[in-house]
N, C-alpha and C. Protein backbone atom coordinates (compact mmCIF):
# COMPACT_ATOMS: atom_id res chain seq x y z
N MET A 1 160.44 -0.84 130.56
CA MET A 1 159.65 0.31 130.98
C MET A 1 158.19 -0.12 131.11
N THR A 2 157.60 0.13 132.25
CA THR A 2 156.20 -0.19 132.48
C THR A 2 155.44 1.11 132.73
N ILE A 3 154.39 1.31 131.97
CA ILE A 3 153.52 2.48 132.13
C ILE A 3 152.10 1.98 132.26
N ALA A 4 151.42 2.32 133.35
CA ALA A 4 150.03 1.93 133.50
C ALA A 4 149.23 2.51 132.34
N GLY A 5 148.47 1.66 131.67
CA GLY A 5 147.70 2.10 130.50
C GLY A 5 148.36 1.74 129.18
N ILE A 6 149.53 1.13 129.25
CA ILE A 6 150.18 0.63 128.05
C ILE A 6 150.43 -0.85 128.25
N ASN A 7 149.76 -1.67 127.44
CA ASN A 7 149.92 -3.11 127.51
C ASN A 7 150.63 -3.57 126.24
N PRO A 8 151.92 -3.81 126.31
CA PRO A 8 152.68 -4.16 125.10
C PRO A 8 152.36 -5.53 124.52
N THR A 9 151.56 -6.34 125.21
CA THR A 9 151.26 -7.68 124.72
C THR A 9 149.97 -7.76 123.90
N VAL A 10 149.16 -6.71 123.92
CA VAL A 10 147.87 -6.72 123.22
C VAL A 10 148.07 -6.38 121.75
N PRO A 11 147.61 -7.25 120.83
CA PRO A 11 147.74 -6.95 119.41
C PRO A 11 146.70 -5.91 118.97
N PRO A 12 146.92 -5.26 117.84
CA PRO A 12 145.93 -4.32 117.32
C PRO A 12 144.66 -5.03 116.89
N SER A 13 143.57 -4.29 116.88
CA SER A 13 142.26 -4.87 116.57
C SER A 13 142.07 -5.19 115.09
N GLY A 14 142.93 -4.69 114.24
CA GLY A 14 142.81 -4.97 112.81
C GLY A 14 143.64 -4.02 111.98
N ASP A 15 143.33 -3.96 110.69
CA ASP A 15 144.08 -3.13 109.75
C ASP A 15 143.54 -1.72 109.58
N GLY A 16 142.33 -1.46 110.09
CA GLY A 16 141.71 -0.15 109.89
C GLY A 16 140.87 0.25 111.08
N CYS A 17 140.32 1.46 111.00
CA CYS A 17 139.47 1.98 112.07
C CYS A 17 138.26 1.07 112.25
N VAL A 18 138.07 0.59 113.46
CA VAL A 18 136.98 -0.34 113.76
C VAL A 18 135.64 0.26 113.36
N GLU A 19 135.36 1.46 113.83
CA GLU A 19 134.05 2.07 113.60
C GLU A 19 133.86 2.49 112.14
N CYS A 20 134.91 2.99 111.50
CA CYS A 20 134.78 3.36 110.08
C CYS A 20 134.53 2.11 109.23
N ASN A 21 135.19 1.02 109.56
CA ASN A 21 134.94 -0.22 108.82
C ASN A 21 133.51 -0.69 109.02
N GLU A 22 132.99 -0.55 110.23
CA GLU A 22 131.62 -0.97 110.50
C GLU A 22 130.60 -0.10 109.76
N SER A 23 130.89 1.19 109.63
CA SER A 23 129.93 2.12 109.02
C SER A 23 130.17 2.35 107.53
N GLY A 24 131.29 1.86 107.00
CA GLY A 24 131.60 2.09 105.59
C GLY A 24 132.26 3.43 105.34
N SER A 25 132.79 4.06 106.39
CA SER A 25 133.43 5.36 106.25
C SER A 25 134.92 5.19 105.92
N TRP A 26 135.67 6.26 106.02
CA TRP A 26 137.09 6.30 105.66
C TRP A 26 137.84 7.15 106.68
N TRP A 27 139.16 7.12 106.59
CA TRP A 27 140.00 7.83 107.56
C TRP A 27 141.18 8.48 106.87
N VAL A 28 141.82 9.39 107.61
CA VAL A 28 143.05 10.02 107.13
C VAL A 28 144.25 9.21 107.63
N HIS A 29 144.38 9.09 108.95
CA HIS A 29 145.45 8.30 109.55
C HIS A 29 144.86 7.44 110.66
N LEU A 30 145.63 6.43 111.07
CA LEU A 30 145.16 5.50 112.08
C LEU A 30 145.97 5.59 113.36
N ARG A 31 145.30 5.36 114.48
CA ARG A 31 145.91 5.38 115.81
C ARG A 31 145.53 4.11 116.55
N ARG A 32 146.46 3.63 117.37
CA ARG A 32 146.28 2.38 118.11
C ARG A 32 146.22 2.66 119.59
N CYS A 33 145.17 2.19 120.24
CA CYS A 33 145.07 2.30 121.69
C CYS A 33 146.11 1.37 122.31
N THR A 34 146.90 1.89 123.21
CA THR A 34 147.97 1.10 123.80
C THR A 34 147.49 0.20 124.93
N GLU A 35 146.26 0.37 125.34
CA GLU A 35 145.74 -0.46 126.42
C GLU A 35 144.99 -1.68 125.89
N CYS A 36 144.15 -1.49 124.87
CA CYS A 36 143.31 -2.60 124.39
C CYS A 36 143.54 -2.95 122.92
N GLY A 37 144.33 -2.16 122.19
CA GLY A 37 144.62 -2.45 120.80
C GLY A 37 143.63 -1.90 119.80
N HIS A 38 142.60 -1.20 120.27
CA HIS A 38 141.59 -0.62 119.37
C HIS A 38 142.25 0.28 118.33
N ILE A 39 141.93 0.07 117.06
CA ILE A 39 142.40 0.94 115.99
C ILE A 39 141.29 1.93 115.67
N GLY A 40 141.62 3.21 115.74
CA GLY A 40 140.67 4.27 115.45
C GLY A 40 141.29 5.30 114.52
N CYS A 41 140.45 6.12 113.94
CA CYS A 41 140.94 7.16 113.03
C CYS A 41 141.36 8.40 113.82
N CYS A 42 142.28 9.15 113.24
CA CYS A 42 142.93 10.29 113.90
C CYS A 42 142.02 11.52 114.00
N ASP A 43 142.51 12.53 114.67
CA ASP A 43 141.77 13.78 114.84
C ASP A 43 141.60 14.56 113.54
N ASP A 44 142.37 14.26 112.52
CA ASP A 44 142.20 14.90 111.22
C ASP A 44 141.14 14.21 110.38
N SER A 45 140.67 13.07 110.81
CA SER A 45 139.62 12.33 110.11
C SER A 45 138.26 12.91 110.47
N LEU A 46 137.27 12.61 109.63
CA LEU A 46 135.92 13.12 109.88
C LEU A 46 135.35 12.65 111.21
N ASN A 47 135.63 11.41 111.57
CA ASN A 47 134.94 10.80 112.70
C ASN A 47 135.72 10.77 114.01
N THR A 48 137.00 11.01 113.99
CA THR A 48 137.87 11.07 115.18
C THR A 48 137.62 9.92 116.16
N HIS A 49 137.53 8.71 115.64
CA HIS A 49 137.20 7.56 116.48
C HIS A 49 138.25 7.22 117.52
N ALA A 50 139.52 7.49 117.27
CA ALA A 50 140.55 7.20 118.28
C ALA A 50 140.31 8.05 119.54
N ARG A 51 140.05 9.33 119.36
CA ARG A 51 139.79 10.21 120.50
C ARG A 51 138.48 9.82 121.20
N LYS A 52 137.47 9.49 120.42
CA LYS A 52 136.19 9.08 121.01
C LYS A 52 136.36 7.81 121.83
N HIS A 53 137.18 6.89 121.33
CA HIS A 53 137.46 5.67 122.09
C HIS A 53 138.16 6.02 123.41
N ALA A 54 139.13 6.91 123.35
CA ALA A 54 139.84 7.31 124.57
C ALA A 54 138.88 7.91 125.59
N ARG A 55 137.98 8.76 125.13
CA ARG A 55 137.02 9.39 126.04
C ARG A 55 136.07 8.37 126.66
N SER A 56 135.54 7.48 125.82
CA SER A 56 134.54 6.54 126.33
C SER A 56 135.15 5.42 127.18
N SER A 57 136.38 5.06 126.89
CA SER A 57 137.01 3.94 127.59
C SER A 57 137.90 4.36 128.76
N GLY A 58 138.37 5.62 128.72
CA GLY A 58 139.34 6.07 129.72
C GLY A 58 140.76 5.64 129.39
N HIS A 59 140.97 5.08 128.21
CA HIS A 59 142.31 4.67 127.76
C HIS A 59 143.02 5.90 127.19
N ARG A 60 143.99 6.39 127.89
CA ARG A 60 144.55 7.70 127.59
C ARG A 60 145.66 7.73 126.56
N TYR A 61 146.32 6.60 126.29
CA TYR A 61 147.49 6.59 125.41
C TYR A 61 147.19 5.94 124.06
N ILE A 62 147.75 6.53 123.02
CA ILE A 62 147.70 5.94 121.68
C ILE A 62 149.10 5.91 121.10
N ARG A 63 149.24 5.12 120.07
CA ARG A 63 150.47 5.10 119.28
C ARG A 63 150.06 5.22 117.83
N SER A 64 150.85 5.89 117.04
CA SER A 64 150.56 5.96 115.61
C SER A 64 150.53 4.54 115.05
N TYR A 65 149.62 4.31 114.12
CA TYR A 65 149.53 3.02 113.45
C TYR A 65 149.89 3.17 111.97
N GLU A 66 150.69 4.20 111.70
CA GLU A 66 151.16 4.48 110.34
C GLU A 66 152.56 3.89 110.15
N PRO A 67 152.86 3.40 108.94
CA PRO A 67 154.22 2.91 108.69
C PRO A 67 155.26 3.99 108.96
N ASP A 68 156.37 3.58 109.51
CA ASP A 68 157.52 4.46 109.78
C ASP A 68 157.25 5.52 110.84
N GLU A 69 156.21 5.35 111.63
CA GLU A 69 155.94 6.25 112.76
C GLU A 69 155.85 5.40 114.03
N ASP A 70 156.51 5.87 115.09
CA ASP A 70 156.47 5.10 116.33
C ASP A 70 156.21 5.97 117.56
N TRP A 71 155.57 7.11 117.35
CA TRP A 71 155.32 8.01 118.46
C TRP A 71 154.07 7.61 119.25
N PHE A 72 154.08 7.98 120.53
CA PHE A 72 152.97 7.77 121.45
C PHE A 72 152.40 9.14 121.83
N TRP A 73 151.12 9.19 122.15
CA TRP A 73 150.45 10.43 122.56
C TRP A 73 149.61 10.15 123.78
N ASP A 74 149.62 11.10 124.70
CA ASP A 74 148.82 11.04 125.92
C ASP A 74 147.68 12.05 125.78
N TYR A 75 146.44 11.55 125.64
CA TYR A 75 145.28 12.44 125.48
C TYR A 75 145.01 13.27 126.74
N VAL A 76 145.38 12.77 127.90
CA VAL A 76 145.12 13.51 129.14
C VAL A 76 146.10 14.66 129.30
N ALA A 77 147.38 14.41 129.16
CA ALA A 77 148.41 15.44 129.31
C ALA A 77 148.61 16.26 128.04
N ASN A 78 148.05 15.80 126.91
CA ASN A 78 148.23 16.45 125.62
C ASN A 78 149.70 16.62 125.27
N GLU A 79 150.43 15.49 125.36
CA GLU A 79 151.85 15.52 125.03
C GLU A 79 152.33 14.15 124.56
N TYR A 80 153.44 14.19 123.84
CA TYR A 80 154.08 12.95 123.39
C TYR A 80 154.77 12.28 124.57
N LEU A 81 154.96 10.98 124.47
CA LEU A 81 155.72 10.26 125.48
C LEU A 81 156.45 9.12 124.80
N ASN A 82 157.42 8.59 125.49
CA ASN A 82 158.14 7.41 125.01
C ASN A 82 157.44 6.19 125.57
N GLY A 83 157.31 5.19 124.72
CA GLY A 83 156.66 3.97 125.15
C GLY A 83 157.40 2.75 124.64
N PRO A 84 157.00 1.59 125.11
CA PRO A 84 157.68 0.35 124.73
C PRO A 84 157.23 -0.14 123.34
N ARG A 85 157.95 -1.09 122.81
CA ARG A 85 157.54 -1.74 121.57
C ARG A 85 156.26 -2.53 121.86
N LEU A 86 155.29 -2.40 120.99
CA LEU A 86 154.01 -3.08 121.17
C LEU A 86 153.96 -4.37 120.36
N ALA A 87 153.00 -5.21 120.67
CA ALA A 87 152.81 -6.47 119.94
C ALA A 87 152.59 -6.17 118.45
N PRO A 88 153.10 -7.02 117.58
CA PRO A 88 152.92 -6.80 116.15
C PRO A 88 151.47 -7.03 115.71
N PRO A 89 151.14 -6.47 114.55
CA PRO A 89 151.96 -5.62 113.70
C PRO A 89 152.06 -4.20 114.25
N GLN A 90 153.10 -3.50 113.86
CA GLN A 90 153.37 -2.15 114.35
C GLN A 90 152.60 -1.07 113.58
N HIS A 91 152.09 -1.42 112.41
CA HIS A 91 151.41 -0.43 111.57
C HIS A 91 150.45 -1.12 110.61
N GLN A 92 149.61 -0.31 110.00
CA GLN A 92 148.71 -0.83 108.97
C GLN A 92 149.53 -1.36 107.80
N PRO A 93 148.95 -2.19 106.95
CA PRO A 93 149.70 -2.70 105.80
C PRO A 93 150.23 -1.55 104.92
N ARG A 94 151.45 -1.67 104.49
CA ARG A 94 152.03 -0.65 103.62
C ARG A 94 151.26 -0.49 102.32
N SER A 95 150.57 -1.53 101.90
CA SER A 95 149.80 -1.47 100.66
C SER A 95 148.49 -0.70 100.82
N GLN A 96 148.09 -0.39 102.05
CA GLN A 96 146.85 0.31 102.30
C GLN A 96 147.03 1.81 102.03
N SER A 97 146.09 2.39 101.33
CA SER A 97 146.21 3.81 100.97
C SER A 97 146.05 4.70 102.19
N VAL A 98 146.66 5.87 102.11
CA VAL A 98 146.55 6.91 103.13
C VAL A 98 146.23 8.21 102.41
N PRO A 99 145.07 8.82 102.64
CA PRO A 99 143.96 8.29 103.44
C PRO A 99 143.36 7.06 102.78
N GLY A 100 142.48 6.43 103.50
CA GLY A 100 141.92 5.20 102.96
C GLY A 100 140.71 4.72 103.71
N PRO A 101 140.25 3.56 103.38
CA PRO A 101 140.72 2.76 102.27
C PRO A 101 140.30 3.38 100.93
N ALA A 102 141.13 3.19 99.92
CA ALA A 102 140.97 3.86 98.63
C ALA A 102 139.58 3.67 98.04
N GLU A 103 139.03 2.49 98.17
CA GLU A 103 137.72 2.22 97.57
C GLU A 103 136.57 2.95 98.24
N ARG A 104 136.78 3.48 99.44
CA ARG A 104 135.73 4.23 100.14
C ARG A 104 136.01 5.73 100.19
N LEU A 105 137.15 6.15 99.70
CA LEU A 105 137.55 7.55 99.77
C LEU A 105 136.77 8.37 98.74
N PRO A 106 135.97 9.35 99.19
CA PRO A 106 135.23 10.16 98.23
C PRO A 106 136.17 11.10 97.46
N GLU A 107 135.78 11.44 96.24
CA GLU A 107 136.61 12.32 95.42
C GLU A 107 136.85 13.67 96.09
N ASP A 108 135.88 14.14 96.85
CA ASP A 108 135.98 15.46 97.48
C ASP A 108 136.42 15.37 98.95
N TRP A 109 137.22 14.36 99.29
CA TRP A 109 137.59 14.14 100.68
C TRP A 109 138.28 15.33 101.31
N GLN A 110 139.12 16.05 100.54
CA GLN A 110 139.81 17.20 101.10
C GLN A 110 138.84 18.32 101.43
N GLU A 111 137.86 18.53 100.59
CA GLU A 111 136.83 19.55 100.86
C GLU A 111 136.00 19.17 102.08
N LEU A 112 135.69 17.89 102.22
CA LEU A 112 134.93 17.44 103.38
C LEU A 112 135.67 17.71 104.69
N LEU A 113 136.98 17.57 104.66
CA LEU A 113 137.77 17.80 105.87
C LEU A 113 137.89 19.28 106.20
N SER A 114 137.84 20.13 105.20
CA SER A 114 138.02 21.57 105.44
C SER A 114 136.72 22.29 105.78
N SER A 115 135.61 21.60 105.67
CA SER A 115 134.33 22.28 105.96
C SER A 115 133.88 22.08 107.38
């Protein structure tokens, strides 16, 4: 299956959200850009870097980067889609906390998300 905007040969950019790692922030869940491999934080995270990456780059498809999840999302159509197996790894390390990373997670993280 070939879908323009999904490059199954590109590996992920790392184990965590690129921008959160650069700024010292944290995330709830991680998403992987299917075109360039950028790892960003989900829409439930404070910074929503995956969506911001999609907007700034024009890369419309993401895949969950969580263990045991293999769904794809189309930001343009706002719907799930089926996609091919991507280059490994398929998810963040199982040892990594969710939300995380644990050492940067504030005690009041749930309150921060609800405000």
